[in-house]
Amino acid sequence: MSTYLLGIFASTVILVFTIVVMRRGLIRQRYSIVWVITSSLMLIFSISSSTLLRIASSLEFTTPSNFLFFIGIVLLLVISVQYSYELGKLEEQNRKMAIEIAMIKNKLNRKGS
């Protein structure tokens, strides 16, 4: 199997998998949008490798693979920042709920005594 066909197959599998998982409600749409865009771009670049070569050379990358690695690193950084933001929000919610639970327990203990 050539790399050309492997790229088309892999990007198609990722695209279909993402859509199926999203339709089943296993991941939220806002998270799956990144994966749909990524796999769609992978599919486009796999089908039309000349497009990838043209974009990479216009951005002065030595080889198209360097361009793809750069895009991959940027994508991972964006996902990491997004998850850090979400984690910060969840930690704040968790802290507020812990305070509320402690206040409710304190109030119940006072009424019970």
C-alpha atoms as a PDB file:
ATOM      1  CA  MET A   1       0.000   0.000   0.000  1.00  0.00           C
ATOM      2  CA  SER A   2       1.474   3.331  -0.978  1.00  0.00           C
ATOM      3  CA  THR A   3       1.786   6.257   1.390  1.00  0.00           C
ATOM      4  CA  TYR A   4      -0.723   8.081  -0.774  1.00  0.00           C
ATOM      5  CA  LEU A   5      -3.429   5.460  -0.163  1.00  0.00           C
ATOM      6  CA  LEU A   6      -2.459   5.088   3.495  1.00  0.00           C
ATOM      7  CA  GLY A   7      -2.927   8.834   4.034  1.00  0.00           C
ATOM      8  CA  ILE A   8      -6.339   8.782   2.348  1.00  0.00           C
ATOM      9  CA  PHE A   9      -7.411   5.727   4.333  1.00  0.00           C
ATOM     10  CA  ALA A  10      -6.201   7.062   7.704  1.00  0.00           C
ATOM     11  CA  SER A  11      -7.778  10.490   7.289  1.00  0.00           C
ATOM     12  CA  THR A  12     -11.064   8.967   6.118  1.00  0.00           C
ATOM     13  CA  VAL A  13     -11.151   6.601   9.104  1.00  0.00           C
ATOM     14  CA  ILE A  14     -10.472   9.464  11.530  1.00  0.00           C
ATOM     15  CA  LEU A  15     -13.133  11.645   9.901  1.00  0.00           C
ATOM     16  CA  VAL A  16     -15.785   8.912   9.956  1.00  0.00           C
ATOM     17  CA  PHE A  17     -14.870   7.866  13.510  1.00  0.00           C
ATOM     18  CA  THR A  18     -15.132  11.453  14.746  1.00  0.00           C
ATOM     19  CA  ILE A  19     -18.532  11.945  13.130  1.00  0.00           C
ATOM     20  CA  VAL A  20     -19.859   8.645  14.515  1.00  0.00           C
ATOM     21  CA  VAL A  21     -18.609   9.365  18.040  1.00  0.00           C
ATOM     22  CA  MET A  22     -20.040  12.884  17.875  1.00  0.00           C
ATOM     23  CA  ARG A  23     -23.454  11.645  16.691  1.00  0.00           C
ATOM     24  CA  ARG A  24     -23.569   9.110  19.534  1.00  0.00           C
ATOM     25  CA  GLY A  25     -22.949  11.933  21.980  1.00  0.00           C
ATOM     26  CA  LEU A  26     -19.717  10.501  23.353  1.00  0.00           C
ATOM     27  CA  ILE A  27     -17.835  13.749  22.776  1.00  0.00           C
ATOM     28  CA  ARG A  28     -19.103  17.279  22.608  1.00  0.00           C
ATOM     29  CA  GLN A  29     -19.331  19.093  19.306  1.00  0.00           C
ATOM     30  CA  ARG A  30     -16.905  21.817  20.299  1.00  0.00           C
ATOM     31  CA  TYR A  31     -14.178  19.228  20.901  1.00  0.00           C
ATOM     32  CA  SER A  32     -14.918  17.249  17.783  1.00  0.00           C
ATOM     33  CA  ILE A  33     -14.770  20.287  15.497  1.00  0.00           C
ATOM     34  CA  VAL A  34     -10.976  20.351  15.821  1.00  0.00           C
ATOM     35  CA  TRP A  35     -10.776  16.693  14.815  1.00  0.00           C
ATOM     36  CA  VAL A  36     -13.206  17.075  11.901  1.00  0.00           C
ATOM     37  CA  ILE A  37     -11.202  20.016  10.559  1.00  0.00           C
ATOM     38  CA  THR A  38      -7.905  18.181  11.072  1.00  0.00           C
ATOM     39  CA  SER A  39      -9.030  14.990   9.369  1.00  0.00           C
ATOM     40  CA  SER A  40     -10.639  16.947   6.529  1.00  0.00           C
ATOM     41  CA  LEU A  41      -7.383  18.812   5.934  1.00  0.00           C
ATOM     42  CA  MET A  42      -5.496  15.510   6.104  1.00  0.00           C
ATOM     43  CA  LEU A  43      -7.860  14.089   3.505  1.00  0.00           C
ATOM     44  CA  ILE A  44      -7.453  17.108   1.229  1.00  0.00           C
ATOM     45  CA  PHE A  45      -3.661  17.002   1.552  1.00  0.00           C
ATOM     46  CA  SER A  46      -3.666  13.227   0.954  1.00  0.00           C
ATOM     47  CA  ILE A  47      -5.773  13.502  -2.175  1.00  0.00           C
ATOM     48  CA  SER A  48      -3.954  16.534  -3.544  1.00  0.00           C
ATOM     49  CA  SER A  49      -0.345  16.291  -2.427  1.00  0.00           C
ATOM     50  CA  SER A  50       0.553  19.117  -4.813  1.00  0.00           C
ATOM     51  CA  THR A  51      -1.533  21.460  -2.621  1.00  0.00           C
ATOM     52  CA  LEU A  52       0.494  20.454   0.417  1.00  0.00           C
ATOM     53  CA  LEU A  53       3.729  20.933  -1.505  1.00  0.00           C
ATOM     54  CA  ARG A  54       2.643  24.349  -2.759  1.00  0.00           C
ATOM     55  CA  ILE A  55       1.579  25.554   0.722  1.00  0.00           C
ATOM     56  CA  ALA A  56       4.760  24.219   2.343  1.00  0.00           C
ATOM     57  CA  SER A  57       7.020  25.843  -0.233  1.00  0.00           C
ATOM     58  CA  SER A  58       5.137  29.153  -0.097  1.00  0.00           C
ATOM     59  CA  LEU A  59       5.663  29.222   3.682  1.00  0.00           C
ATOM     60  CA  GLU A  60       9.339  28.344   3.054  1.00  0.00           C
ATOM     61  CA  PHE A  61       9.342  24.942   4.708  1.00  0.00           C
ATOM     62  CA  THR A  62      12.099  22.686   3.384  1.00  0.00           C
ATOM     63  CA  THR A  63       9.835  19.679   3.002  1.00  0.00           C
ATOM     64  CA  PRO A  64       6.070  19.145   3.295  1.00  0.00           C
ATOM     65  CA  SER A  65       6.622  16.800   6.240  1.00  0.00           C
ATOM     66  CA  ASN A  66       8.180  19.667   8.219  1.00  0.00           C
ATOM     67  CA  PHE A  67       5.049  21.695   7.532  1.00  0.00           C
ATOM     68  CA  LEU A  68       2.843  18.824   8.726  1.00  0.00           C
ATOM     69  CA  PHE A  69       4.905  18.438  11.916  1.00  0.00           C
ATOM     70  CA  PHE A  70       4.590  22.174  12.546  1.00  0.00           C
ATOM     71  CA  ILE A  71       0.800  22.018  12.073  1.00  0.00           C
ATOM     72  CA  GLY A  72       0.653  18.996  14.390  1.00  0.00           C
ATOM     73  CA  ILE A  73       2.598  20.773  17.111  1.00  0.00           C
ATOM     74  CA  VAL A  74       0.408  23.880  16.826  1.00  0.00           C
ATOM     75  CA  LEU A  75      -2.708  21.702  16.988  1.00  0.00           C
ATOM     76  CA  LEU A  76      -1.470  19.945  20.128  1.00  0.00           C
ATOM     77  CA  LEU A  77      -0.653  23.283  21.753  1.00  0.00           C
ATOM     78  CA  VAL A  78      -4.139  24.609  20.980  1.00  0.00           C
ATOM     79  CA  ILE A  79      -5.727  21.479  22.433  1.00  0.00           C
ATOM     80  CA  SER A  80      -3.521  21.726  25.550  1.00  0.00           C
ATOM     81  CA  VAL A  81      -4.504  25.356  26.117  1.00  0.00           C
ATOM     82  CA  GLN A  82      -8.184  24.506  25.611  1.00  0.00           C
ATOM     83  CA  TYR A  83      -7.993  21.651  28.120  1.00  0.00           C
ATOM     84  CA  SER A  84      -6.126  23.840  30.614  1.00  0.00           C
ATOM     85  CA  TYR A  85      -8.859  26.449  30.345  1.00  0.00           C
ATOM     86  CA  GLU A  86     -11.576  23.830  30.854  1.00  0.00           C
ATOM     87  CA  LEU A  87      -9.687  22.316  33.787  1.00  0.00           C
ATOM     88  CA  GLY A  88      -9.389  25.716  35.451  1.00  0.00           C
ATOM     89  CA  LYS A  89     -13.124  26.280  35.123  1.00  0.00           C
ATOM     90  CA  LEU A  90     -13.889  22.846  36.561  1.00  0.00           C
ATOM     91  CA  GLU A  91     -11.509  23.366  39.490  1.00  0.00           C
ATOM     92  CA  GLU A  92     -13.248  26.638  40.329  1.00  0.00           C
ATOM     93  CA  GLN A  93     -16.676  24.960  40.159  1.00  0.00           C
ATOM     94  CA  ASN A  94     -15.402  22.133  42.344  1.00  0.00           C
ATOM     95  CA  ARG A  95     -14.064  24.604  44.930  1.00  0.00           C
ATOM     96  CA  LYS A  96     -17.377  26.501  45.020  1.00  0.00           C
ATOM     97  CA  MET A  97     -19.366  23.293  45.437  1.00  0.00           C
ATOM     98  CA  ALA A  98     -17.074  22.122  48.251  1.00  0.00           C
ATOM     99  CA  ILE A  99     -17.651  25.409  50.063  1.00  0.00           C
ATOM    100  CA  GLU A 100     -21.421  25.137  49.572  1.00  0.00           C
ATOM    101  CA  ILE A 101     -21.456  21.550  50.843  1.00  0.00           C
ATOM    102  CA  ALA A 102     -19.418  22.549  53.894  1.00  0.00           C
ATOM    103  CA  MET A 103     -21.843  25.403  54.626  1.00  0.00           C
ATOM    104  CA  ILE A 104     -24.865  23.101  54.275  1.00  0.00           C
ATOM    105  CA  LYS A 105     -23.273  20.484  56.559  1.00  0.00           C
ATOM    106  CA  ASN A 106     -22.458  23.183  59.090  1.00  0.00           C
ATOM    107  CA  LYS A 107     -26.042  24.461  58.983  1.00  0.00           C
ATOM    108  CA  LEU A 108     -27.452  20.920  59.392  1.00  0.00           C
ATOM    109  CA  ASN A 109     -25.105  20.214  62.307  1.00  0.00           C
ATOM    110  CA  ARG A 110     -26.262  23.387  64.072  1.00  0.00           C
ATOM    111  CA  LYS A 111     -29.943  22.477  63.629  1.00  0.00           C
ATOM    112  CA  GLY A 112     -29.322  18.923  64.798  1.00  0.00           C
ATOM    113  CA  SER A 113     -27.520  19.959  67.982  1.00  0.00           C
END
